[in-house]
Amino acid sequence: MRYSKEHKFQTHARIVKRASIKLREKGAHGIGVADLMKEAGLTHGGFYAHFDSRDALVVEAFAHAMDRSTEHWRRQSEEAPAEKRLSAIVNGYLSPLHRDNPGQGCAVPALAAEIARESAKTRRAFSGRMQQMIEMLAKQFHGVPPKTARKQAMAALATMMGSLVMARVAGNNEFSDEILKSGRDAILERAKPVAAKKTSKRTTASA
């Protein structure tokens, strides 16, 4: 039976979507092609009608997950006042909801360690998407030069990623919540405008 191009496109997209979830839940090597195809409701034999190799699927699945994260940040920033956009992203990222749902969350803390051991092609795809995430985050640092905003965005993403990984290792408890809060506080305190920080220090000194 021959299927239309639209049907093939929809099937391809469904495989990528399901793969992106399972890869974030189980890791790049935690699930095989047969399992991924089963998740998509297809047979193992149909895999090569959509992908040249398992690596090709992994690259697309990673890209899909990271694109979703960037788009989610974009929606959050559009829905918040300019001065609260960074905090909206950081608070949403370092939240118990995100911690407890890796399959629906950011691919960076879920897969970065494994990506470092993947093929050069996979690492390039991951790196390119990560740069897009940094650029998106840099736009939320207002009142600073672009180069400074980019550096701050890199530091913020590293803190977000590390805090989330630590919180997941700690589990669902008070200690884990404390890690999330510490990450949020560190980023948002660092991002305060210089003038506001100076004012705060003068107020403290005169008290």
Protein backbone atom coordinates (compact mmCIF):
# COMPACT_ATOMS: atom_id res chain seq x y z
CA MET A 1 0.00 0.00 0.00
CA ARG A 2 1.40 3.39 -1.01
CA TYR A 3 0.95 6.37 1.30
CA SER A 4 0.79 10.03 0.41
CA LYS A 5 3.68 12.39 1.12
CA GLU A 6 1.57 14.06 3.77
CA HIS A 7 0.99 10.75 5.55
CA LYS A 8 4.71 9.99 5.45
CA PHE A 9 5.51 13.46 6.79
CA GLN A 10 3.06 13.04 9.68
CA THR A 11 4.43 9.59 10.50
CA HIS A 12 8.00 10.89 10.40
CA ALA A 13 7.07 13.74 12.76
CA ARG A 14 5.36 11.33 15.14
CA ILE A 15 8.44 9.11 15.32
CA VAL A 16 10.69 12.11 16.02
CA LYS A 17 8.34 13.43 18.71
CA ARG A 18 8.07 10.10 20.50
CA ALA A 19 11.81 9.53 20.19
CA SER A 20 12.58 12.95 21.68
CA ILE A 21 10.49 12.12 24.75
CA LYS A 22 11.95 8.65 25.26
CA LEU A 23 15.51 9.82 24.73
CA ARG A 24 15.07 12.49 27.42
CA GLU A 25 13.55 9.92 29.76
CA LYS A 26 15.95 7.05 29.16
CA GLY A 27 19.04 8.59 27.56
CA ALA A 28 20.54 8.27 24.11
CA HIS A 29 21.45 4.62 24.65
CA GLY A 30 18.55 3.64 26.85
CA ILE A 31 16.14 2.75 24.07
CA GLY A 32 16.60 0.94 20.75
CA VAL A 33 15.14 1.41 17.29
CA ALA A 34 12.59 -1.36 17.77
CA ASP A 35 11.30 0.25 20.96
CA LEU A 36 11.16 3.70 19.37
CA MET A 37 9.17 2.38 16.42
CA LYS A 38 6.84 0.52 18.76
CA GLU A 39 6.24 3.78 20.67
CA ALA A 40 5.24 5.38 17.38
CA GLY A 41 2.92 2.48 16.56
CA LEU A 42 5.05 1.16 13.69
CA THR A 43 7.10 -1.93 12.92
CA HIS A 44 10.87 -2.08 13.14
CA GLY A 45 11.05 -2.78 9.42
CA GLY A 46 9.54 0.60 8.54
CA PHE A 47 12.33 2.54 10.20
CA TYR A 48 14.56 2.90 7.15
CA ALA A 49 11.71 4.33 5.11
CA HIS A 50 12.10 7.42 7.30
CA PHE A 51 15.72 7.52 8.47
CA ASP A 52 19.09 6.53 7.02
CA SER A 53 20.37 5.42 10.42
CA ARG A 54 19.69 5.47 14.13
CA ASP A 55 22.05 8.48 14.42
CA ALA A 56 19.86 10.38 11.96
CA LEU A 57 16.83 9.85 14.20
CA VAL A 58 18.81 10.80 17.31
CA VAL A 59 19.92 14.09 15.71
CA GLU A 60 16.36 14.97 14.71
CA ALA A 61 15.00 14.00 18.11
CA PHE A 62 17.57 16.16 19.91
CA ALA A 63 16.87 19.09 17.61
CA HIS A 64 13.13 18.70 18.13
CA ALA A 65 13.49 18.72 21.92
CA MET A 66 15.74 21.78 21.97
CA ASP A 67 13.56 23.67 19.50
CA ARG A 68 10.59 23.05 21.79
CA SER A 69 12.52 24.47 24.74
CA THR A 70 13.51 27.60 22.83
CA GLU A 71 9.95 28.10 21.61
CA HIS A 72 8.65 27.62 25.15
CA TRP A 73 11.01 30.33 26.36
CA ARG A 74 9.85 32.61 23.55
CA ARG A 75 6.22 32.19 24.58
CA GLN A 76 7.08 32.82 28.23
CA SER A 77 8.96 36.01 27.37
CA GLU A 78 6.14 37.29 25.16
CA GLU A 79 3.59 36.78 27.93
CA ALA A 80 5.58 38.66 30.59
CA PRO A 81 6.54 42.35 31.01
CA ALA A 82 10.06 43.12 29.77
CA GLU A 83 11.51 43.38 33.27
CA LYS A 84 10.10 40.00 34.29
CA ARG A 85 10.91 37.93 31.21
CA LEU A 86 14.16 36.48 32.50
CA SER A 87 12.63 35.55 35.85
CA ALA A 88 9.67 33.90 34.06
CA ILE A 89 12.06 31.67 32.10
CA VAL A 90 14.33 30.89 35.05
CA ASN A 91 11.49 30.22 37.49
CA GLY A 92 9.77 27.93 34.98
CA TYR A 93 12.98 26.06 34.20
CA LEU A 94 14.10 25.57 37.80
CA SER A 95 10.73 24.34 39.01
CA PRO A 96 9.54 21.07 40.58
CA LEU A 97 7.34 20.50 37.51
CA HIS A 98 10.32 20.58 35.15
CA ARG A 99 12.45 18.54 37.54
CA ASP A 100 9.84 15.79 37.76
CA ASN A 101 9.08 15.55 34.01
CA PRO A 102 12.37 15.06 32.10
CA GLY A 103 10.60 13.54 29.09
CA GLN A 104 8.76 16.80 28.47
CA GLY A 105 11.60 19.10 29.49
CA CYS A 106 14.87 20.55 28.28
CA ALA A 107 17.21 18.17 26.48
CA VAL A 108 20.39 19.81 27.77
CA PRO A 109 20.43 18.48 31.36
CA ALA A 110 18.86 15.19 30.26
CA LEU A 111 21.31 14.38 27.47
CA ALA A 112 24.35 16.69 27.42
CA ALA A 113 26.74 14.21 29.05
CA GLU A 114 25.80 11.54 26.50
CA ILE A 115 25.96 13.94 23.56
CA ALA A 116 29.63 14.57 24.35
CA ARG A 117 30.25 10.92 23.44
CA GLU A 118 28.11 10.89 20.29
CA SER A 119 29.26 11.41 16.69
CA ALA A 120 30.65 14.75 15.51
CA LYS A 121 27.48 15.31 13.48
CA THR A 122 25.28 14.82 16.52
CA ARG A 123 27.46 17.14 18.62
CA ARG A 124 27.32 19.84 15.94
CA ALA A 125 23.52 19.65 15.83
CA PHE A 126 23.32 19.83 19.61
CA SER A 127 25.82 22.71 19.77
CA GLY A 128 23.95 24.70 17.14
CA ARG A 129 20.67 24.39 19.01
CA MET A 130 22.36 25.25 22.30
CA GLN A 131 23.70 28.46 20.77
CA GLN A 132 20.16 29.35 19.73
CA MET A 133 19.03 28.83 23.32
CA ILE A 134 21.83 31.10 24.55
CA GLU A 135 20.89 33.80 22.03
CA MET A 136 17.26 33.59 23.11
CA LEU A 137 18.26 33.88 26.76
CA ALA A 138 20.67 36.75 26.06
CA LYS A 139 17.78 38.85 24.77
CA GLN A 140 16.28 38.81 28.26
CA PHE A 141 19.27 40.63 29.80
CA HIS A 142 18.31 44.25 29.36
CA GLY A 143 20.54 47.27 29.70
CA VAL A 144 23.84 45.48 28.99
CA PRO A 145 25.97 45.29 25.82
CA PRO A 146 25.30 42.29 23.55
CA LYS A 147 28.63 40.58 24.33
CA THR A 148 28.01 40.92 28.05
CA ALA A 149 24.46 39.66 27.67
CA ARG A 150 25.75 36.61 25.80
CA LYS A 151 28.27 35.84 28.56
CA GLN A 152 25.59 36.24 31.19
CA ALA A 153 23.25 33.98 29.21
CA MET A 154 25.94 31.27 28.99
CA ALA A 155 26.51 31.47 32.75
CA ALA A 156 22.77 31.42 33.40
CA LEU A 157 22.20 28.38 31.19
CA ALA A 158 25.09 26.55 32.86
CA THR A 159 23.60 27.33 36.28
CA MET A 160 20.12 26.30 35.16
CA MET A 161 21.39 23.05 33.71
CA GLY A 162 23.60 22.18 36.67
CA SER A 163 20.94 23.04 39.23
CA LEU A 164 18.34 20.91 37.46
CA VAL A 165 20.68 17.93 37.22
CA MET A 166 21.54 18.21 40.92
CA ALA A 167 17.86 18.57 41.87
CA ARG A 168 16.96 15.44 39.90
CA VAL A 169 19.77 13.51 41.55
CA ALA A 170 18.56 14.67 44.98
CA GLY A 171 15.04 13.50 44.22
CA ASN A 172 11.66 14.95 45.08
CA ASN A 173 12.27 16.39 48.52
CA GLU A 174 13.11 19.53 50.49
CA PHE A 175 16.82 19.32 49.61
CA SER A 176 15.96 19.14 45.91
CA ASP A 177 13.66 22.16 46.22
CA GLU A 178 16.46 24.02 48.00
CA ILE A 179 18.82 23.34 45.08
CA LEU A 180 16.27 24.70 42.62
CA LYS A 181 15.78 27.84 44.69
CA SER A 182 19.52 28.40 45.04
CA GLY A 183 19.90 28.19 41.26
CA ARG A 184 17.07 30.65 40.69
CA ASP A 185 18.43 33.09 43.26
CA ALA A 186 21.97 32.93 41.87
CA ILE A 187 20.88 33.75 38.31
CA LEU A 188 18.36 36.46 39.12
CA GLU A 189 20.59 38.20 41.67
CA ARG A 190 23.43 38.29 39.15
CA ALA A 191 21.09 39.68 36.51
CA LYS A 192 19.92 42.68 38.56
CA PRO A 193 20.80 46.02 36.96
CA VAL A 194 24.03 47.52 38.30
CA ALA A 195 22.23 50.66 39.50
CA ALA A 196 19.79 48.58 41.53
CA LYS A 197 22.64 46.62 43.13
CA LYS A 198 24.47 49.82 44.10
CA THR A 199 21.31 51.28 45.59
CA SER A 200 20.74 48.10 47.57
CA LYS A 201 24.32 48.20 48.93
CA ARG A 202 24.02 51.87 49.94
CA THR A 203 20.73 51.16 51.72
CA THR A 204 22.29 48.25 53.60
CA ALA A 205 25.36 50.29 54.54
CA SER A 206 23.33 53.18 55.91
CA ALA A 207 21.00 50.94 57.91
